[in-house]
C-alpha atoms as a PDB file:
ATOM      1  CA  MET A   1      -0.154  -0.332  -0.587  1.00  0.00           C
ATOM      2  CA  GLY A   2       1.619   3.434  -0.768  1.00  0.00           C
ATOM      3  CA  ILE A   3       1.621   6.350   0.775  1.00  0.00           C
ATOM      4  CA  GLY A   4      -1.769   7.848  -1.644  1.00  0.00           C
ATOM      5  CA  GLY A   5      -3.566   4.511  -0.964  1.00  0.00           C
ATOM      6  CA  SER A   6      -2.687   4.972   3.084  1.00  0.00           C
ATOM      7  CA  VAL A   7      -4.252   8.535   3.309  1.00  0.00           C
ATOM      8  CA  ILE A   8      -7.098   7.408   1.395  1.00  0.00           C
ATOM      9  CA  VAL A   9      -7.722   4.506   3.479  1.00  0.00           C
ATOM     10  CA  PHE A  10      -7.130   6.807   6.938  1.00  0.00           C
ATOM     11  CA  ILE A  11      -9.472   9.561   5.443  1.00  0.00           C
ATOM     12  CA  ILE A  12     -12.320   7.588   5.252  1.00  0.00           C
ATOM     13  CA  ALA A  13     -11.852   5.126   8.414  1.00  0.00           C
ATOM     14  CA  TRP A  14     -11.541   8.412   9.885  1.00  0.00           C
ATOM     15  CA  TRP A  15     -14.786   9.947   8.908  1.00  0.00           C
ATOM     16  CA  LEU A  16     -16.337   6.394   9.201  1.00  0.00           C
ATOM     17  CA  ALA A  17     -15.085   6.721  12.887  1.00  0.00           C
ATOM     18  CA  PHE A  18     -16.504   9.969  13.021  1.00  0.00           C
ATOM     19  CA  ILE A  19     -19.821  10.668  11.797  1.00  0.00           C
ATOM     20  CA  PRO A  20     -21.172   8.228  14.102  1.00  0.00           C
ATOM     21  CA  SER A  21     -19.573   9.592  17.301  1.00  0.00           C
ATOM     22  CA  LEU A  22     -21.533  12.934  16.676  1.00  0.00           C
ATOM     23  CA  SER A  23     -24.562  11.860  18.352  1.00  0.00           C
ATOM     24  CA  VAL A  24     -22.927  10.189  21.626  1.00  0.00           C
ATOM     25  CA  GLY A  25     -23.432  11.856  24.585  1.00  0.00           C
ATOM     26  CA  VAL A  26     -24.536  15.054  23.435  1.00  0.00           C
ATOM     27  CA  ARG A  27     -27.774  16.716  25.349  1.00  0.00           C
ATOM     28  CA  ALA A  28     -30.309  19.661  23.611  1.00  0.00           C
ATOM     29  CA  GLN A  29     -30.793  22.491  24.957  1.00  0.00           C
ATOM     30  CA  GLY A  30     -34.761  21.620  24.866  1.00  0.00           C
ATOM     31  CA  GLU A  31     -33.883  18.892  26.912  1.00  0.00           C
ATOM     32  CA  GLU A  32     -31.818  20.767  29.896  1.00  0.00           C
ATOM     33  CA  GLY A  33     -34.244  23.448  30.219  1.00  0.00           C
ATOM     34  CA  ASP A  34     -31.373  26.036  28.965  1.00  0.00           C
ATOM     35  CA  ILE A  35     -32.561  27.443  25.787  1.00  0.00           C
ATOM     36  CA  VAL A  36     -30.585  30.219  24.192  1.00  0.00           C
ATOM     37  CA  GLU A  37     -32.583  32.919  22.969  1.00  0.00           C
ATOM     38  CA  GLY A  38     -32.691  32.652  18.909  1.00  0.00           C
ATOM     39  CA  THR A  39     -31.392  28.836  18.870  1.00  0.00           C
ATOM     40  CA  ASP A  40     -33.083  25.577  18.002  1.00  0.00           C
ATOM     41  CA  PRO A  41     -34.208  23.615  21.290  1.00  0.00           C
ATOM     42  CA  ALA A  42     -32.496  20.950  19.900  1.00  0.00           C
ATOM     43  CA  ALA A  43     -29.334  22.471  19.292  1.00  0.00           C
ATOM     44  CA  PRO A  44     -26.108  21.112  21.238  1.00  0.00           C
ATOM     45  CA  ILE A  45     -25.031  22.331  24.373  1.00  0.00           C
ATOM     46  CA  ALA A  46     -21.127  21.040  24.800  1.00  0.00           C
ATOM     47  CA  PRO A  47     -21.156  18.861  21.284  1.00  0.00           C
ATOM     48  CA  ASN A  48     -17.008  17.806  22.663  1.00  0.00           C
ATOM     49  CA  LEU A  49     -16.128  18.121  18.830  1.00  0.00           C
ATOM     50  CA  GLY A  50     -12.657  17.919  20.105  1.00  0.00           C
ATOM     51  CA  ARG A  51     -13.094  14.627  21.854  1.00  0.00           C
ATOM     52  CA  LYS A  52     -14.907  13.336  19.220  1.00  0.00           C
ATOM     53  CA  ALA A  53     -12.051  13.765  16.695  1.00  0.00           C
ATOM     54  CA  LEU A  54      -9.397  12.987  19.031  1.00  0.00           C
ATOM     55  CA  TRP A  55     -11.518   9.255  19.184  1.00  0.00           C
ATOM     56  CA  ALA A  56     -11.970   9.454  15.296  1.00  0.00           C
ATOM     57  CA  THR A  57      -8.042   8.988  14.895  1.00  0.00           C
ATOM     58  CA  VAL A  58      -7.529   6.845  17.747  1.00  0.00           C
ATOM     59  CA  ILE A  59     -10.201   4.527  15.554  1.00  0.00           C
ATOM     60  CA  ALA A  60      -8.882   5.280  12.151  1.00  0.00           C
ATOM     61  CA  THR A  61      -5.224   4.873  12.927  1.00  0.00           C
ATOM     62  CA  VAL A  62      -6.194   1.109  14.210  1.00  0.00           C
ATOM     63  CA  VAL A  63      -7.951   0.541  11.637  1.00  0.00           C
ATOM     64  CA  TRP A  64      -5.344   1.313   9.291  1.00  0.00           C
ATOM     65  CA  ALA A  65      -2.805  -0.151  11.247  1.00  0.00           C
ATOM     66  CA  VAL A  66      -4.698  -3.465  10.629  1.00  0.00           C
ATOM     67  CA  LEU A  67      -5.542  -3.260   7.123  1.00  0.00           C
ATOM     68  CA  TYR A  68      -1.613  -1.779   6.722  1.00  0.00           C
ATOM     69  CA  GLY A  69      -0.316  -4.925   8.062  1.00  0.00           C
ATOM     70  CA  VAL A  70      -2.627  -7.611   6.157  1.00  0.00           C
ATOM     71  CA  VAL A  71      -2.102  -6.026   3.085  1.00  0.00           C
ATOM     72  CA  GLU A  72       1.726  -5.470   3.403  1.00  0.00           C
ATOM     73  CA  GLY A  73       2.150  -8.874   4.958  1.00  0.00           C
ATOM     74  CA  GLY A  74       0.789 -10.627   2.157  1.00  0.00           C
ATOM     75  CA  LEU A  75      -2.336 -12.080   3.550  1.00  0.00           C
ATOM     76  CA  VAL A  76      -4.115 -10.217   1.121  1.00  0.00           C
ATOM     77  CA  SER A  77      -3.234  -8.111  -2.079  1.00  0.00           C
ATOM     78  CA  ILE A  78      -4.783  -5.317  -3.645  1.00  0.00           C
ATOM     79  CA  ASP A  79      -5.278  -7.961  -6.813  1.00  0.00           C
ATOM     80  CA  GLU A  80      -7.197  -9.990  -4.947  1.00  0.00           C
ATOM     81  CA  TRP A  81      -9.415  -7.770  -2.995  1.00  0.00           C
ATOM     82  CA  ALA A  82     -10.437  -6.051  -6.299  1.00  0.00           C
ATOM     83  CA  GLU A  83     -11.640  -9.539  -7.766  1.00  0.00           C
ATOM     84  CA  PHE A  84     -13.338 -10.097  -4.293  1.00  0.00           C
ATOM     85  CA  ILE A  85     -15.531  -7.111  -5.207  1.00  0.00           C
ATOM     86  CA  ALA A  86     -15.942  -6.854  -8.491  1.00  0.00           C
ATOM     87  CA  GLY A  87     -15.126 -10.493  -9.632  1.00  0.00           C
ATOM     88  CA  PRO A  88     -13.253 -12.252 -11.917  1.00  0.00           C
ATOM     89  CA  LEU A  89     -12.280 -10.239 -14.911  1.00  0.00           C
END
C-alpha cells in the first residue's frame, strides 16, 4: 500500500468513525431546559467535537494499521481484493 492509498484509507476510516460519534453523549438545550434565545431547542449544549475528533483519529489509526498489516504482510493483495469486490475479470 503506497502513501496515496494509505492516506485515502485513513481519511475514509476517520470519517466512518467520526460521523456516528457526533450523536453520542450530546444533550440538547431543550432537554436541559436552558434554551438560548434565537437558537433551536435541539441545538447541542456541549458537542465535545475535539474529544470526538481525537477518538476518531485513534480508531482510524487502528483500522489503518490493521489494513496496512494485512496488505503489506501478504495476507491479501490489492489485486485479490479488487477481484473479490468486482469478480473475476
